[in-house]
Amino acid sequence: MHLERITIDPQQCGGRPCIRGLRIRVQDILELLAAGATTAEILEDYPYLEPEDIVASLHYAAQQADHAILYVA
């Protein structure tokens, strides 16, 4: 699932998930996609990224969103 491309380093970007140790956060990629940017546009603007980095960001976000919700009545 390409999750090995996601790195978390407390000394980089405040410990937020980044792509391959670069200073581009998963959040940055997700925000670009949410704003309507295409994969091609992102790769053109950030030539050091690879298509798999964008896929990894989406997988990471999906994994983070899949958590149990405890309901207490």
N, C-alpha and C. Protein backbone atom coordinates (compact mmCIF):
# COMPACT_ATOMS: atom_id res chain seq x y z
N MET A 1 0.81 -1.20 0.00
CA MET A 1 0.00 0.00 0.00
C MET A 1 0.85 1.26 0.00
N HIS A 2 2.10 1.17 -0.18
CA HIS A 2 2.99 2.33 -0.29
C HIS A 2 3.17 3.08 1.02
N LEU A 3 2.71 2.56 2.13
CA LEU A 3 2.80 3.31 3.39
C LEU A 3 4.24 3.49 3.86
N GLU A 4 5.17 2.71 3.31
CA GLU A 4 6.58 2.90 3.68
C GLU A 4 7.09 4.26 3.21
N ARG A 5 6.37 4.91 2.33
CA ARG A 5 6.75 6.23 1.83
C ARG A 5 6.43 7.34 2.83
N ILE A 6 5.60 7.02 3.82
CA ILE A 6 5.21 8.00 4.82
C ILE A 6 6.19 7.92 5.98
N THR A 7 6.79 9.06 6.32
CA THR A 7 7.75 9.10 7.42
C THR A 7 7.27 10.09 8.47
N ILE A 8 7.59 9.76 9.71
CA ILE A 8 7.26 10.64 10.82
C ILE A 8 8.54 10.83 11.64
N ASP A 9 8.97 12.08 11.69
CA ASP A 9 10.20 12.43 12.39
C ASP A 9 9.89 13.62 13.30
N PRO A 10 10.04 13.46 14.60
CA PRO A 10 9.73 14.57 15.52
C PRO A 10 10.52 15.84 15.22
N GLN A 11 11.65 15.72 14.53
CA GLN A 11 12.49 16.86 14.21
C GLN A 11 12.12 17.53 12.89
N GLN A 12 11.09 17.00 12.23
CA GLN A 12 10.73 17.52 10.91
C GLN A 12 9.23 17.82 10.86
N CYS A 13 8.88 19.01 10.45
CA CYS A 13 7.48 19.42 10.29
C CYS A 13 6.65 19.15 11.53
N GLY A 14 7.25 19.34 12.69
CA GLY A 14 6.53 19.16 13.94
C GLY A 14 6.06 17.74 14.19
N GLY A 15 6.72 16.78 13.57
CA GLY A 15 6.35 15.39 13.76
C GLY A 15 5.16 14.94 12.92
N ARG A 16 4.73 15.80 12.01
CA ARG A 16 3.60 15.44 11.15
C ARG A 16 4.06 14.49 10.06
N PRO A 17 3.17 13.64 9.59
CA PRO A 17 3.52 12.68 8.54
C PRO A 17 3.97 13.40 7.26
N CYS A 18 5.12 12.98 6.74
CA CYS A 18 5.69 13.56 5.52
C CYS A 18 5.93 12.47 4.49
N ILE A 19 6.29 12.90 3.31
CA ILE A 19 6.59 11.98 2.22
C ILE A 19 8.09 11.75 2.15
N ARG A 20 8.50 10.51 2.34
CA ARG A 20 9.88 10.06 2.16
C ARG A 20 10.93 10.96 2.81
N GLY A 21 10.62 11.51 3.96
CA GLY A 21 11.59 12.35 4.65
C GLY A 21 11.72 13.75 4.05
N LEU A 22 10.93 14.03 3.04
CA LEU A 22 10.94 15.37 2.45
C LEU A 22 10.10 16.28 3.33
N ARG A 23 10.22 17.55 3.12
CA ARG A 23 9.44 18.49 3.91
C ARG A 23 8.11 18.82 3.24
N ILE A 24 7.48 17.83 2.71
CA ILE A 24 6.10 17.99 2.22
C ILE A 24 5.24 17.02 3.00
N ARG A 25 4.26 17.58 3.66
CA ARG A 25 3.41 16.79 4.54
C ARG A 25 2.31 16.07 3.76
N VAL A 26 1.87 14.97 4.32
CA VAL A 26 0.72 14.26 3.75
C VAL A 26 -0.45 15.24 3.67
N GLN A 27 -0.61 16.05 4.68
CA GLN A 27 -1.69 17.03 4.70
C GLN A 27 -1.61 17.98 3.50
N ASP A 28 -0.41 18.37 3.12
CA ASP A 28 -0.25 19.27 1.97
C ASP A 28 -0.81 18.63 0.70
N ILE A 29 -0.48 17.37 0.50
CA ILE A 29 -0.96 16.67 -0.69
C ILE A 29 -2.47 16.52 -0.64
N LEU A 30 -3.00 16.15 0.51
CA LEU A 30 -4.45 15.98 0.64
C LEU A 30 -5.18 17.29 0.41
N GLU A 31 -4.64 18.38 0.90
CA GLU A 31 -5.27 19.68 0.69
C GLU A 31 -5.26 20.08 -0.79
N LEU A 32 -4.16 19.78 -1.47
CA LEU A 32 -4.10 20.07 -2.91
C LEU A 32 -5.15 19.27 -3.66
N LEU A 33 -5.28 17.99 -3.33
CA LEU A 33 -6.28 17.15 -3.98
C LEU A 33 -7.70 17.64 -3.67
N ALA A 34 -7.93 18.02 -2.42
CA ALA A 34 -9.25 18.51 -2.01
C ALA A 34 -9.60 19.82 -2.72
N ALA A 35 -8.58 20.60 -3.05
CA ALA A 35 -8.80 21.87 -3.75
C ALA A 35 -9.01 21.66 -5.25
N GLY A 36 -8.89 20.41 -5.70
CA GLY A 36 -9.15 20.13 -7.11
C GLY A 36 -7.92 19.91 -7.96
N ALA A 37 -6.74 19.96 -7.37
CA ALA A 37 -5.52 19.71 -8.15
C ALA A 37 -5.49 18.25 -8.60
N THR A 38 -5.02 18.04 -9.79
CA THR A 38 -4.87 16.67 -10.30
C THR A 38 -3.50 16.14 -9.90
N THR A 39 -3.36 14.83 -10.00
CA THR A 39 -2.07 14.22 -9.73
C THR A 39 -1.01 14.82 -10.64
N ALA A 40 -1.34 14.99 -11.90
CA ALA A 40 -0.38 15.56 -12.86
C ALA A 40 0.04 16.96 -12.45
N GLU A 41 -0.90 17.77 -11.99
CA GLU A 41 -0.57 19.14 -11.57
C GLU A 41 0.34 19.13 -10.35
N ILE A 42 0.05 18.25 -9.39
CA ILE A 42 0.87 18.18 -8.19
C ILE A 42 2.29 17.74 -8.56
N LEU A 43 2.40 16.74 -9.41
CA LEU A 43 3.72 16.25 -9.81
C LEU A 43 4.49 17.30 -10.60
N GLU A 44 3.79 18.12 -11.34
CA GLU A 44 4.46 19.20 -12.09
C GLU A 44 4.96 20.29 -11.14
N ASP A 45 4.15 20.61 -10.13
CA ASP A 45 4.53 21.64 -9.17
C ASP A 45 5.60 21.17 -8.19
N TYR A 46 5.63 19.88 -7.93
CA TYR A 46 6.59 19.28 -6.98
C TYR A 46 7.31 18.13 -7.69
N PRO A 47 8.29 18.45 -8.52
CA PRO A 47 8.93 17.43 -9.36
C PRO A 47 9.68 16.35 -8.58
N TYR A 48 9.95 16.57 -7.31
CA TYR A 48 10.63 15.55 -6.51
C TYR A 48 9.65 14.51 -5.97
N LEU A 49 8.35 14.74 -6.16
CA LEU A 49 7.36 13.73 -5.77
C LEU A 49 7.18 12.72 -6.88
N GLU A 50 6.69 11.56 -6.50
CA GLU A 50 6.40 10.48 -7.45
C GLU A 50 4.93 10.12 -7.32
N PRO A 51 4.33 9.56 -8.36
CA PRO A 51 2.91 9.20 -8.29
C PRO A 51 2.58 8.34 -7.07
N GLU A 52 3.48 7.45 -6.70
CA GLU A 52 3.25 6.58 -5.56
C GLU A 52 3.14 7.36 -4.25
N ASP A 53 3.76 8.55 -4.19
CA ASP A 53 3.67 9.38 -3.00
C ASP A 53 2.24 9.87 -2.79
N ILE A 54 1.57 10.20 -3.86
CA ILE A 54 0.19 10.66 -3.77
C ILE A 54 -0.72 9.51 -3.35
N VAL A 55 -0.49 8.35 -3.93
CA VAL A 55 -1.27 7.17 -3.54
C VAL A 55 -1.03 6.85 -2.06
N ALA A 56 0.21 6.94 -1.63
CA ALA A 56 0.53 6.67 -0.22
C ALA A 56 -0.18 7.66 0.70
N SER A 57 -0.27 8.91 0.29
CA SER A 57 -0.97 9.91 1.10
C SER A 57 -2.44 9.56 1.25
N LEU A 58 -3.05 9.12 0.18
CA LEU A 58 -4.46 8.74 0.22
C LEU A 58 -4.67 7.50 1.09
N HIS A 59 -3.78 6.53 0.96
CA HIS A 59 -3.88 5.32 1.79
C HIS A 59 -3.69 5.67 3.26
N TYR A 60 -2.74 6.53 3.54
CA TYR A 60 -2.49 6.93 4.93
C TYR A 60 -3.73 7.62 5.51
N ALA A 61 -4.31 8.53 4.76
CA ALA A 61 -5.51 9.24 5.23
C ALA A 61 -6.66 8.27 5.45
N ALA A 62 -6.83 7.33 4.55
CA ALA A 62 -7.90 6.34 4.70
C ALA A 62 -7.68 5.51 5.95
N GLN A 63 -6.46 5.13 6.19
CA GLN A 63 -6.13 4.32 7.36
C GLN A 63 -6.39 5.12 8.65
N GLN A 64 -6.05 6.39 8.65
CA GLN A 64 -6.26 7.23 9.84
C GLN A 64 -7.74 7.44 10.11
N ALA A 65 -8.54 7.47 9.06
CA ALA A 65 -9.98 7.70 9.22
C ALA A 65 -10.71 6.45 9.69
N ASP A 66 -10.08 5.30 9.60
CA ASP A 66 -10.71 4.04 9.95
C ASP A 66 -10.38 3.69 11.40
N HIS A 67 -11.10 4.30 12.29
CA HIS A 67 -10.89 4.00 13.70
C HIS A 67 -12.24 3.73 14.36
N ALA A 68 -12.19 2.97 15.39
CA ALA A 68 -13.42 2.65 16.11
C ALA A 68 -13.94 3.89 16.83
N ILE A 69 -15.22 4.05 16.82
CA ILE A 69 -15.86 5.13 17.55
C ILE A 69 -16.60 4.50 18.73
N LEU A 70 -16.21 4.91 19.89
CA LEU A 70 -16.85 4.39 21.08
C LEU A 70 -18.06 5.24 21.42
N TYR A 71 -19.17 4.60 21.52
CA TYR A 71 -20.40 5.31 21.85
C TYR A 71 -20.78 4.95 23.27
N VAL A 72 -20.88 5.95 24.08
CA VAL A 72 -21.26 5.75 25.46
C VAL A 72 -22.63 6.36 25.67
N ALA A 73 -23.56 5.54 26.09
CA ALA A 73 -24.93 6.03 26.28
C ALA A 73 -25.14 6.53 27.68
